[in-house]
N, C-alpha and C. Protein backbone atom coordinates (compact mmCIF):
# COMPACT_ATOMS: atom_id res chain seq x y z
N MET A 1 -28.20 -13.62 4.03
CA MET A 1 -27.63 -12.36 3.51
C MET A 1 -26.27 -12.13 2.87
N VAL A 2 -26.19 -11.41 2.14
CA VAL A 2 -24.84 -11.56 1.31
C VAL A 2 -23.93 -10.31 2.21
N PRO A 3 -22.79 -10.89 2.59
CA PRO A 3 -22.18 -9.66 3.20
C PRO A 3 -21.47 -8.74 2.21
N PHE A 4 -21.57 -7.37 2.60
CA PHE A 4 -20.98 -6.56 1.57
C PHE A 4 -20.56 -5.09 2.31
N SER A 5 -19.89 -4.22 1.49
CA SER A 5 -19.26 -2.97 2.04
C SER A 5 -19.65 -2.04 1.03
N THR A 6 -20.03 -0.82 1.03
CA THR A 6 -20.12 -0.16 -0.14
C THR A 6 -18.98 1.14 0.05
N PHE A 7 -18.93 1.57 -1.20
CA PHE A 7 -17.69 2.31 -1.52
C PHE A 7 -18.06 2.98 -2.67
N SER A 8 -17.76 4.71 -2.72
CA SER A 8 -18.19 5.49 -3.75
C SER A 8 -16.94 6.03 -4.42
N PRO A 9 -16.84 5.46 -5.71
CA PRO A 9 -15.86 5.66 -6.47
C PRO A 9 -15.77 7.12 -7.20
N ASP A 10 -14.56 7.66 -7.12
CA ASP A 10 -14.58 9.04 -7.99
C ASP A 10 -14.38 8.84 -9.23
N ILE A 11 -15.23 8.87 -10.20
CA ILE A 11 -15.15 8.80 -11.53
C ILE A 11 -15.92 10.09 -12.31
N ASP A 12 -15.38 10.34 -13.50
CA ASP A 12 -16.35 11.27 -14.19
C ASP A 12 -17.58 10.68 -15.02
N GLU A 13 -18.82 11.21 -14.55
CA GLU A 13 -20.19 10.66 -15.10
C GLU A 13 -20.51 11.35 -16.09
N SER A 14 -19.89 12.25 -16.93
CA SER A 14 -20.23 12.65 -17.93
C SER A 14 -20.34 11.95 -19.07
N ALA A 15 -21.36 12.14 -19.90
CA ALA A 15 -21.59 11.16 -21.45
C ALA A 15 -20.36 11.67 -21.97
N HIS A 16 -19.98 10.71 -23.08
CA HIS A 16 -18.98 10.97 -23.84
C HIS A 16 -19.90 11.36 -25.54
N ASP A 17 -19.19 12.04 -26.22
CA ASP A 17 -20.01 12.50 -27.46
C ASP A 17 -20.49 11.22 -28.45
N GLY A 18 -21.73 11.32 -28.57
CA GLY A 18 -22.36 10.27 -29.51
C GLY A 18 -22.62 8.79 -28.78
N GLU A 19 -22.68 8.94 -27.49
CA GLU A 19 -22.91 7.85 -26.61
C GLU A 19 -24.36 7.80 -26.38
N THR A 20 -24.89 6.59 -26.42
CA THR A 20 -26.40 6.59 -26.07
C THR A 20 -26.77 6.37 -24.70
N PRO A 21 -27.87 6.79 -24.18
CA PRO A 21 -28.03 6.58 -22.93
C PRO A 21 -27.82 4.98 -22.40
N LYS A 22 -27.98 4.13 -23.17
CA LYS A 22 -27.76 2.85 -22.77
C LYS A 22 -26.23 2.63 -22.62
N GLN A 23 -25.33 3.17 -23.46
CA GLN A 23 -24.19 3.11 -23.62
C GLN A 23 -23.39 3.67 -22.45
N LEU A 24 -23.95 4.86 -21.88
CA LEU A 24 -23.55 5.66 -20.95
C LEU A 24 -23.59 4.88 -19.68
N VAL A 25 -24.76 4.32 -19.31
CA VAL A 25 -25.05 3.68 -18.18
C VAL A 25 -24.24 2.30 -17.85
N GLU A 26 -24.13 1.64 -19.20
CA GLU A 26 -23.16 0.31 -18.97
C GLU A 26 -21.76 0.57 -18.74
N ARG A 27 -21.18 1.78 -19.33
CA ARG A 27 -19.98 2.12 -19.30
C ARG A 27 -19.72 2.55 -17.65
N LEU A 28 -20.60 3.49 -17.20
CA LEU A 28 -20.42 4.15 -16.01
C LEU A 28 -20.36 2.82 -14.93
N ALA A 29 -21.39 1.73 -14.95
CA ALA A 29 -21.71 0.70 -14.06
C ALA A 29 -19.87 0.11 -14.05
N ILE A 30 -19.34 -0.06 -15.29
CA ILE A 30 -18.20 -0.69 -15.42
C ILE A 30 -16.99 0.03 -14.78
N GLU A 31 -16.93 1.17 -15.07
CA GLU A 31 -16.13 2.20 -14.44
C GLU A 31 -16.16 2.20 -12.99
N LYS A 32 -17.14 2.36 -12.71
CA LYS A 32 -17.47 2.24 -10.87
C LYS A 32 -17.02 1.00 -10.36
N ALA A 33 -17.45 0.00 -11.00
CA ALA A 33 -16.89 -1.32 -10.60
C ALA A 33 -15.13 -1.51 -10.61
N LEU A 34 -14.76 -1.07 -11.74
CA LEU A 34 -13.37 -1.27 -11.88
C LEU A 34 -12.73 -0.35 -10.77
N GLU A 35 -13.26 0.78 -10.70
CA GLU A 35 -12.27 1.79 -9.67
C GLU A 35 -12.37 1.07 -8.36
N THR A 36 -13.64 0.70 -8.05
CA THR A 36 -13.86 0.08 -6.60
C THR A 36 -12.94 -0.96 -6.37
N ALA A 37 -13.00 -1.90 -7.60
CA ALA A 37 -11.94 -3.26 -7.48
C ALA A 37 -10.62 -2.90 -7.15
N LYS A 38 -10.19 -1.77 -7.48
CA LYS A 38 -8.64 -1.66 -6.97
C LYS A 38 -8.54 -1.49 -5.46
N HIS A 39 -9.65 -1.15 -4.66
CA HIS A 39 -9.58 -1.12 -3.11
C HIS A 39 -9.97 -2.58 -2.69
N PHE A 40 -10.56 -3.34 -3.53
CA PHE A 40 -11.07 -4.53 -2.73
C PHE A 40 -10.65 -5.94 -3.37
N PRO A 41 -9.49 -6.30 -3.01
CA PRO A 41 -8.80 -7.26 -3.95
C PRO A 41 -9.66 -8.87 -3.58
N ASN A 42 -9.73 -9.87 -4.16
CA ASN A 42 -10.37 -11.02 -4.02
C ASN A 42 -11.80 -10.68 -3.83
N SER A 43 -12.48 -9.92 -4.55
CA SER A 43 -13.85 -9.64 -4.02
C SER A 43 -14.80 -9.70 -5.46
N LEU A 44 -16.14 -9.86 -5.10
CA LEU A 44 -16.88 -9.77 -6.47
C LEU A 44 -17.44 -8.10 -6.05
N ILE A 45 -17.38 -7.49 -7.08
CA ILE A 45 -17.57 -5.75 -7.24
C ILE A 45 -18.99 -5.46 -8.07
N ILE A 46 -19.87 -5.00 -7.35
CA ILE A 46 -20.96 -4.46 -8.10
C ILE A 46 -20.87 -2.84 -8.32
N GLY A 47 -21.19 -2.60 -9.77
CA GLY A 47 -21.28 -1.28 -10.21
C GLY A 47 -22.62 -1.07 -10.65
N SER A 48 -23.34 -0.06 -10.61
CA SER A 48 -24.79 0.46 -11.13
C SER A 48 -24.54 1.72 -11.38
N ASP A 49 -25.26 1.93 -12.44
CA ASP A 49 -25.76 3.52 -12.89
C ASP A 49 -27.38 3.43 -13.83
N GLN A 50 -27.88 4.56 -13.44
CA GLN A 50 -29.14 4.39 -13.99
C GLN A 50 -29.52 6.02 -14.72
N VAL A 51 -30.14 5.89 -15.68
CA VAL A 51 -30.46 7.03 -16.44
C VAL A 51 -32.06 6.98 -16.68
N ALA A 52 -32.87 8.17 -16.43
CA ALA A 52 -34.21 8.19 -16.72
C ALA A 52 -34.50 9.00 -18.23
N LEU A 53 -35.24 8.57 -19.06
CA LEU A 53 -35.55 8.88 -20.28
C LEU A 53 -36.85 9.66 -20.07
N HIS A 54 -37.38 10.85 -20.82
CA HIS A 54 -38.35 11.23 -20.95
C HIS A 54 -38.74 11.84 -22.39
N ASP A 55 -39.46 11.35 -23.29
CA ASP A 55 -39.53 11.94 -24.62
C ASP A 55 -38.03 11.95 -25.14
N GLN A 56 -37.31 10.59 -24.98
CA GLN A 56 -35.84 10.60 -25.50
C GLN A 56 -34.97 11.46 -25.15
N GLU A 57 -35.05 12.13 -23.94
CA GLU A 57 -34.32 13.29 -23.43
C GLU A 57 -33.91 12.61 -21.91
N ILE A 58 -32.54 12.54 -21.53
CA ILE A 58 -32.32 12.27 -20.39
C ILE A 58 -32.90 13.19 -19.23
N VAL A 59 -33.27 12.61 -18.34
CA VAL A 59 -33.79 13.39 -17.21
C VAL A 59 -32.92 13.01 -15.99
N GLY A 60 -32.30 14.42 -15.69
CA GLY A 60 -31.03 14.08 -14.39
C GLY A 60 -32.06 14.31 -13.17
N LYS A 61 -30.69 14.63 -12.26
CA LYS A 61 -31.03 14.91 -10.78
C LYS A 61 -31.65 16.59 -10.91
N PRO A 62 -32.76 16.91 -10.47
CA PRO A 62 -33.21 18.25 -10.23
C PRO A 62 -32.28 19.34 -9.70
N GLY A 63 -31.91 18.98 -8.23
CA GLY A 63 -30.89 19.75 -7.70
C GLY A 63 -31.69 20.86 -7.02
N THR A 64 -32.96 21.60 -7.54
CA THR A 64 -33.80 22.53 -6.97
C THR A 64 -35.06 21.98 -7.00
N HIS A 65 -35.93 22.79 -6.28
CA HIS A 65 -37.08 22.53 -6.10
C HIS A 65 -38.04 23.02 -7.22
N GLU A 66 -37.44 24.04 -7.63
CA GLU A 66 -38.30 24.59 -8.75
C GLU A 66 -37.95 23.42 -10.31
N ARG A 67 -36.78 23.11 -10.01
CA ARG A 67 -36.43 21.99 -11.28
C ARG A 67 -37.24 20.58 -11.00
N ALA A 68 -37.36 20.41 -9.70
CA ALA A 68 -38.27 19.12 -9.55
C ALA A 68 -39.46 19.28 -9.88
N VAL A 69 -40.07 20.32 -9.68
CA VAL A 69 -41.48 20.77 -10.18
C VAL A 69 -41.75 20.64 -11.65
N GLU A 70 -40.77 21.24 -12.34
CA GLU A 70 -40.63 21.16 -13.77
C GLU A 70 -40.76 19.53 -14.05
N GLN A 71 -39.76 18.99 -13.66
CA GLN A 71 -39.59 17.38 -14.18
C GLN A 71 -41.22 16.45 -13.76
N LEU A 72 -41.60 16.94 -12.58
CA LEU A 72 -42.93 16.29 -12.12
C LEU A 72 -44.02 16.71 -13.03
N GLN A 73 -44.02 17.87 -13.34
CA GLN A 73 -45.17 18.36 -14.19
C GLN A 73 -44.92 17.90 -15.49
N ALA A 74 -43.68 17.79 -16.15
CA ALA A 74 -43.46 17.16 -17.32
C ALA A 74 -43.88 15.64 -17.39
N ALA A 75 -43.55 14.82 -16.20
CA ALA A 75 -43.88 13.58 -16.32
C ALA A 75 -45.02 13.04 -16.14
N SER A 76 -46.06 14.02 -15.59
CA SER A 76 -47.52 13.71 -15.15
C SER A 76 -48.48 12.96 -16.23
N GLY A 77 -48.86 11.60 -16.06
CA GLY A 77 -49.66 11.05 -16.76
C GLY A 77 -48.82 10.32 -18.09
N LYS A 78 -47.49 10.40 -18.04
CA LYS A 78 -46.62 10.08 -18.92
C LYS A 78 -45.74 8.74 -18.48
N LYS A 79 -45.27 8.13 -19.52
CA LYS A 79 -44.29 7.03 -19.21
C LYS A 79 -42.66 7.35 -19.24
N ILE A 80 -42.16 7.06 -18.13
CA ILE A 80 -40.48 7.59 -18.15
C ILE A 80 -40.01 6.32 -18.47
N ALA A 81 -39.08 6.15 -19.19
CA ALA A 81 -37.97 4.86 -19.41
C ALA A 81 -36.89 4.92 -18.79
N LEU A 82 -36.40 3.91 -17.87
CA LEU A 82 -35.46 3.86 -17.27
C LEU A 82 -34.25 2.78 -17.77
N PHE A 83 -32.94 3.14 -17.67
CA PHE A 83 -32.18 1.95 -18.03
C PHE A 83 -31.03 1.97 -17.16
N THR A 84 -30.69 0.87 -16.55
CA THR A 84 -29.87 0.37 -15.41
C THR A 84 -28.82 -0.27 -15.95
N GLY A 85 -27.48 0.36 -16.05
CA GLY A 85 -26.54 -0.40 -16.10
C GLY A 85 -25.92 -0.84 -14.86
N LEU A 86 -25.57 -2.50 -14.85
CA LEU A 86 -25.34 -3.38 -13.97
C LEU A 86 -24.11 -4.01 -14.36
N ALA A 87 -22.80 -3.92 -13.63
CA ALA A 87 -21.67 -4.53 -13.80
C ALA A 87 -21.10 -5.45 -12.51
N LEU A 88 -20.73 -6.40 -12.59
CA LEU A 88 -20.20 -7.45 -11.95
C LEU A 88 -18.64 -7.71 -12.12
N VAL A 89 -17.76 -7.23 -11.42
CA VAL A 89 -16.17 -7.55 -11.70
C VAL A 89 -15.63 -8.34 -10.55
N ASN A 90 -14.92 -9.53 -10.88
CA ASN A 90 -14.29 -10.18 -10.11
C ASN A 90 -12.90 -9.90 -10.18
N SER A 91 -12.54 -9.04 -8.69
CA SER A 91 -11.37 -8.34 -8.78
C SER A 91 -10.05 -9.36 -8.68
N LYS A 92 -10.29 -10.70 -8.40
CA LYS A 92 -9.34 -11.72 -8.23
C LYS A 92 -8.96 -12.23 -9.73
N THR A 93 -9.95 -12.35 -10.67
CA THR A 93 -9.76 -12.86 -12.02
C THR A 93 -9.83 -11.95 -13.04
N GLY A 94 -10.30 -10.52 -12.66
CA GLY A 94 -10.40 -9.59 -13.89
C GLY A 94 -11.88 -9.78 -14.63
N ARG A 95 -12.48 -10.68 -14.42
CA ARG A 95 -13.68 -10.98 -15.26
C ARG A 95 -14.72 -10.08 -15.13
N ILE A 96 -15.38 -9.64 -16.15
CA ILE A 96 -16.27 -8.53 -16.14
C ILE A 96 -17.61 -8.76 -16.84
N GLN A 97 -18.85 -8.81 -15.83
CA GLN A 97 -19.90 -9.16 -16.88
C GLN A 97 -20.77 -7.70 -16.33
N SER A 98 -21.51 -7.36 -17.73
CA SER A 98 -22.28 -6.25 -17.85
C SER A 98 -23.27 -6.46 -18.36
N GLU A 99 -24.44 -5.65 -18.25
CA GLU A 99 -25.84 -5.56 -19.24
C GLU A 99 -26.44 -4.33 -18.80
N VAL A 100 -27.45 -3.92 -19.44
CA VAL A 100 -28.37 -3.01 -19.37
C VAL A 100 -29.64 -3.54 -19.23
N VAL A 101 -30.49 -3.22 -18.03
CA VAL A 101 -31.79 -3.74 -17.88
C VAL A 101 -32.85 -2.52 -17.99
N PRO A 102 -33.54 -2.85 -18.78
CA PRO A 102 -34.76 -1.63 -19.04
C PRO A 102 -35.71 -1.84 -18.15
N PHE A 103 -36.39 -0.66 -17.96
CA PHE A 103 -37.60 -0.59 -17.07
C PHE A 103 -38.60 0.67 -17.52
N SER A 104 -39.89 0.40 -17.51
CA SER A 104 -40.40 2.02 -17.49
C SER A 104 -41.50 1.96 -16.32
N ALA A 105 -41.80 3.55 -16.03
CA ALA A 105 -42.58 3.70 -15.07
C ALA A 105 -43.83 4.43 -15.77
N HIS A 106 -45.14 4.32 -15.22
CA HIS A 106 -46.06 5.47 -15.60
C HIS A 106 -46.24 6.17 -14.68
N PHE A 107 -46.39 7.31 -14.66
CA PHE A 107 -47.13 8.27 -13.79
C PHE A 107 -48.62 8.40 -13.80
N LYS A 108 -48.93 8.55 -12.70
CA LYS A 108 -50.38 9.23 -12.55
C LYS A 108 -50.46 10.63 -13.02
N LYS A 109 -51.61 11.17 -13.36
CA LYS A 109 -51.97 12.56 -13.45
C LYS A 109 -51.55 13.21 -11.94
N LEU A 110 -50.66 14.14 -12.02
CA LEU A 110 -50.30 14.66 -10.91
C LEU A 110 -50.64 16.13 -10.64
N SER A 111 -51.57 16.38 -9.32
CA SER A 111 -51.97 18.03 -9.41
C SER A 111 -50.66 18.77 -8.97
N GLU A 112 -50.99 20.08 -8.80
CA GLU A 112 -49.87 21.02 -8.43
C GLU A 112 -49.59 20.69 -6.85
N ARG A 113 -50.73 20.57 -5.95
CA ARG A 113 -50.95 20.07 -4.75
C ARG A 113 -49.98 18.80 -4.59
N THR A 114 -50.20 17.77 -5.13
CA THR A 114 -49.61 16.68 -5.13
C THR A 114 -48.13 16.77 -5.23
N ILE A 115 -47.94 17.15 -6.13
CA ILE A 115 -46.52 17.72 -6.43
C ILE A 115 -45.73 18.39 -5.46
N GLU A 116 -46.37 19.57 -4.81
CA GLU A 116 -45.74 20.42 -3.84
C GLU A 116 -45.72 19.68 -2.74
N CYS A 117 -46.66 18.96 -2.07
CA CYS A 117 -46.78 18.13 -0.91
C CYS A 117 -45.69 17.10 -1.03
N TYR A 118 -45.36 16.30 -2.01
CA TYR A 118 -44.44 15.25 -2.18
C TYR A 118 -43.13 15.70 -2.16
N LEU A 119 -42.84 16.84 -2.60
CA LEU A 119 -41.37 17.40 -2.68
C LEU A 119 -41.11 18.11 -1.39
N ARG A 120 -42.19 18.46 -0.70
CA ARG A 120 -41.86 19.01 0.64
C ARG A 120 -41.48 17.79 1.67
N LYS A 121 -42.21 16.81 1.47
CA LYS A 121 -42.01 15.59 2.36
C LYS A 121 -40.91 14.80 2.19
N GLU A 122 -40.55 14.77 0.95
CA GLU A 122 -39.48 13.86 0.49
C GLU A 122 -37.99 14.19 -0.01
N GLU A 123 -38.29 15.51 -0.41
CA GLU A 123 -37.08 16.22 -0.91
C GLU A 123 -36.15 15.47 -1.92
N PRO A 124 -36.67 15.09 -3.21
CA PRO A 124 -35.95 13.96 -3.55
C PRO A 124 -34.90 14.71 -4.91
N TYR A 125 -34.35 15.76 -4.42
CA TYR A 125 -33.53 16.79 -5.39
C TYR A 125 -32.35 16.04 -5.99
N ASN A 126 -31.86 14.74 -5.41
CA ASN A 126 -30.64 14.38 -5.75
C ASN A 126 -31.12 13.01 -6.28
N CYS A 127 -32.48 12.79 -6.94
CA CYS A 127 -32.97 11.75 -7.45
C CYS A 127 -33.28 12.17 -8.92
N ALA A 128 -32.88 11.06 -9.90
CA ALA A 128 -33.00 11.40 -11.40
C ALA A 128 -34.67 11.31 -11.45
N GLY A 129 -35.20 12.40 -12.22
CA GLY A 129 -36.53 12.56 -12.61
C GLY A 129 -37.43 13.31 -11.17
N SER A 130 -36.78 13.38 -10.04
CA SER A 130 -37.33 13.78 -8.86
C SER A 130 -38.33 12.71 -8.30
N VAL A 131 -37.79 11.38 -8.50
CA VAL A 131 -38.70 10.47 -7.89
C VAL A 131 -38.03 9.71 -7.11
N LYS A 132 -38.33 9.49 -5.60
CA LYS A 132 -37.69 8.62 -4.86
C LYS A 132 -38.74 7.26 -4.75
N SER A 133 -38.60 6.19 -5.51
CA SER A 133 -39.46 5.41 -5.81
C SER A 133 -39.34 4.26 -4.46
N GLU A 134 -38.36 4.36 -3.74
CA GLU A 134 -38.49 3.56 -2.55
C GLU A 134 -38.87 4.06 -1.55
N GLY A 135 -39.61 5.24 -1.63
CA GLY A 135 -40.01 6.06 -0.78
C GLY A 135 -41.45 6.52 -1.22
N LEU A 136 -41.88 7.60 -0.94
CA LEU A 136 -43.30 8.12 -0.98
C LEU A 136 -43.61 8.42 -2.64
N GLY A 137 -42.48 8.40 -3.31
CA GLY A 137 -42.53 8.42 -4.72
C GLY A 137 -43.29 7.46 -5.39
N VAL A 138 -43.25 6.05 -4.68
CA VAL A 138 -43.96 5.32 -5.46
C VAL A 138 -45.65 5.68 -5.78
N ALA A 139 -46.17 6.55 -4.74
CA ALA A 139 -47.35 6.99 -4.81
C ALA A 139 -47.77 7.87 -6.02
N LEU A 140 -46.53 8.38 -6.76
CA LEU A 140 -46.77 9.00 -7.98
C LEU A 140 -46.96 8.13 -9.17
N LEU A 141 -46.84 6.90 -9.04
CA LEU A 141 -46.79 6.09 -10.02
C LEU A 141 -48.06 5.01 -10.24
N GLU A 142 -48.59 4.65 -11.45
CA GLU A 142 -49.52 4.31 -11.67
C GLU A 142 -49.07 2.72 -11.98
N ARG A 143 -48.36 2.38 -12.65
CA ARG A 143 -47.94 0.94 -13.02
C ARG A 143 -46.59 1.06 -13.45
N PHE A 144 -46.02 -0.19 -13.77
CA PHE A 144 -44.44 -0.62 -14.15
C PHE A 144 -44.53 -1.66 -15.46
N GLU A 145 -43.48 -1.69 -16.33
CA GLU A 145 -43.14 -2.47 -17.19
C GLU A 145 -41.65 -2.90 -17.17
N GLY A 146 -41.61 -4.43 -16.87
CA GLY A 146 -40.03 -4.81 -16.94
C GLY A 146 -39.99 -6.08 -16.34
N ASP A 147 -38.79 -6.71 -16.45
CA ASP A 147 -38.90 -7.99 -15.93
C ASP A 147 -38.37 -8.06 -14.48
N ASP A 148 -37.55 -7.24 -14.07
CA ASP A 148 -37.02 -6.97 -12.68
C ASP A 148 -37.74 -5.53 -11.84
N PRO A 149 -38.57 -5.77 -10.93
CA PRO A 149 -38.89 -4.74 -10.23
C PRO A 149 -37.81 -3.80 -9.69
N ASN A 150 -36.84 -4.22 -9.06
CA ASN A 150 -35.65 -3.68 -8.35
C ASN A 150 -34.97 -2.79 -9.42
N ALA A 151 -35.29 -2.92 -10.72
CA ALA A 151 -34.34 -2.10 -11.67
C ALA A 151 -35.16 -0.51 -11.50
N LEU A 152 -36.12 -0.68 -11.04
CA LEU A 152 -36.82 1.05 -10.55
C LEU A 152 -35.85 1.49 -9.79
N ILE A 153 -35.33 1.03 -8.82
CA ILE A 153 -34.27 1.63 -7.73
C ILE A 153 -33.14 1.56 -8.00
N GLY A 154 -32.63 0.95 -9.14
CA GLY A 154 -31.30 1.07 -9.94
C GLY A 154 -30.30 -0.03 -9.52
N LEU A 155 -30.97 -1.20 -8.95
CA LEU A 155 -30.35 -2.53 -8.77
C LEU A 155 -31.02 -3.61 -9.06
N PRO A 156 -31.13 -4.02 -10.26
CA PRO A 156 -31.73 -5.20 -10.70
C PRO A 156 -31.41 -6.56 -10.12
N LEU A 157 -32.14 -6.94 -9.16
CA LEU A 157 -31.47 -7.92 -8.29
C LEU A 157 -31.66 -9.31 -9.15
N ILE A 158 -32.59 -9.35 -9.91
CA ILE A 158 -32.76 -10.66 -10.35
C ILE A 158 -31.44 -10.95 -11.49
N ARG A 159 -31.19 -9.77 -12.09
CA ARG A 159 -29.90 -10.15 -13.05
C ARG A 159 -28.71 -10.20 -12.34
N LEU A 160 -28.66 -9.63 -10.99
CA LEU A 160 -27.53 -9.35 -10.19
C LEU A 160 -27.15 -11.06 -9.60
N VAL A 161 -28.44 -11.82 -9.38
CA VAL A 161 -28.21 -12.85 -8.78
C VAL A 161 -27.54 -13.97 -10.11
N ALA A 162 -27.93 -13.77 -11.30
CA ALA A 162 -27.53 -14.68 -12.45
C ALA A 162 -26.12 -14.33 -12.77
N MET A 163 -25.76 -13.17 -12.25
CA MET A 163 -24.22 -13.05 -12.62
C MET A 163 -23.53 -13.54 -11.41
N LEU A 164 -24.10 -13.40 -10.10
CA LEU A 164 -23.48 -14.03 -9.09
C LEU A 164 -23.07 -15.70 -9.27
N GLU A 165 -24.23 -16.18 -9.81
CA GLU A 165 -24.27 -17.40 -10.27
C GLU A 165 -23.30 -17.75 -11.07
N ALA A 166 -23.10 -17.02 -11.91
CA ALA A 166 -22.33 -17.27 -13.08
C ALA A 166 -20.62 -17.23 -12.44
N GLU A 167 -20.46 -16.69 -11.12
CA GLU A 167 -19.07 -16.51 -10.84
C GLU A 167 -19.21 -17.68 -9.52
N ASP A 168 -20.11 -18.54 -9.84
CA ASP A 168 -20.23 -19.65 -8.93
C ASP A 168 -20.31 -19.36 -7.15
N TYR A 169 -21.04 -18.30 -7.23
CA TYR A 169 -21.12 -17.77 -5.79
C TYR A 169 -22.49 -18.37 -5.37
N ASP A 170 -22.52 -19.01 -4.31
CA ASP A 170 -23.41 -19.93 -3.59
C ASP A 170 -24.29 -18.78 -2.64
N LEU A 171 -25.38 -18.38 -2.98
CA LEU A 171 -26.37 -17.57 -2.24
C LEU A 171 -26.98 -18.12 -0.99
N PHE A 172 -26.89 -19.60 -1.28
CA PHE A 172 -27.45 -20.36 0.04
C PHE A 172 -26.66 -20.90 1.05
N ALA A 173 -25.17 -20.65 0.78
CA ALA A 173 -24.37 -20.95 1.57
C ALA A 173 -24.35 -20.61 2.95
């Protein structure tokens, strides 16, 4: 197991004018890692951010039950594109590695009952697209497309391992 600490940096996560979703998540992942690096010298810092897109529109966190119902009704039977920005900052050397990892999730056809029961049980109001896929939300999904299944939950581990290896971090030490 890799030893780690968590930290929530205080950054503005608003999109810049003209910024694409891919540019947004990569910038935010880097900003989160750089801000965190100020507090952890001589460390490898991971930053991550994710956006979900439905019909080329960013699907945010619903915040309310009503908005979550709308999001899930719109996603029913459809494909949602996810982009995860991943950054690794070496706070000792200042080296920054970053990339955007794409992933897609295909939703099952969702009945009103399924949506209501899911929302009452999971309360995913702080999850983009109203889906907590690491919990019961995976039952709403039919299939996935992508190289790294962990990208679905916002931390593409296959890519992270490659970044750690590029820093000569021995995962098996």
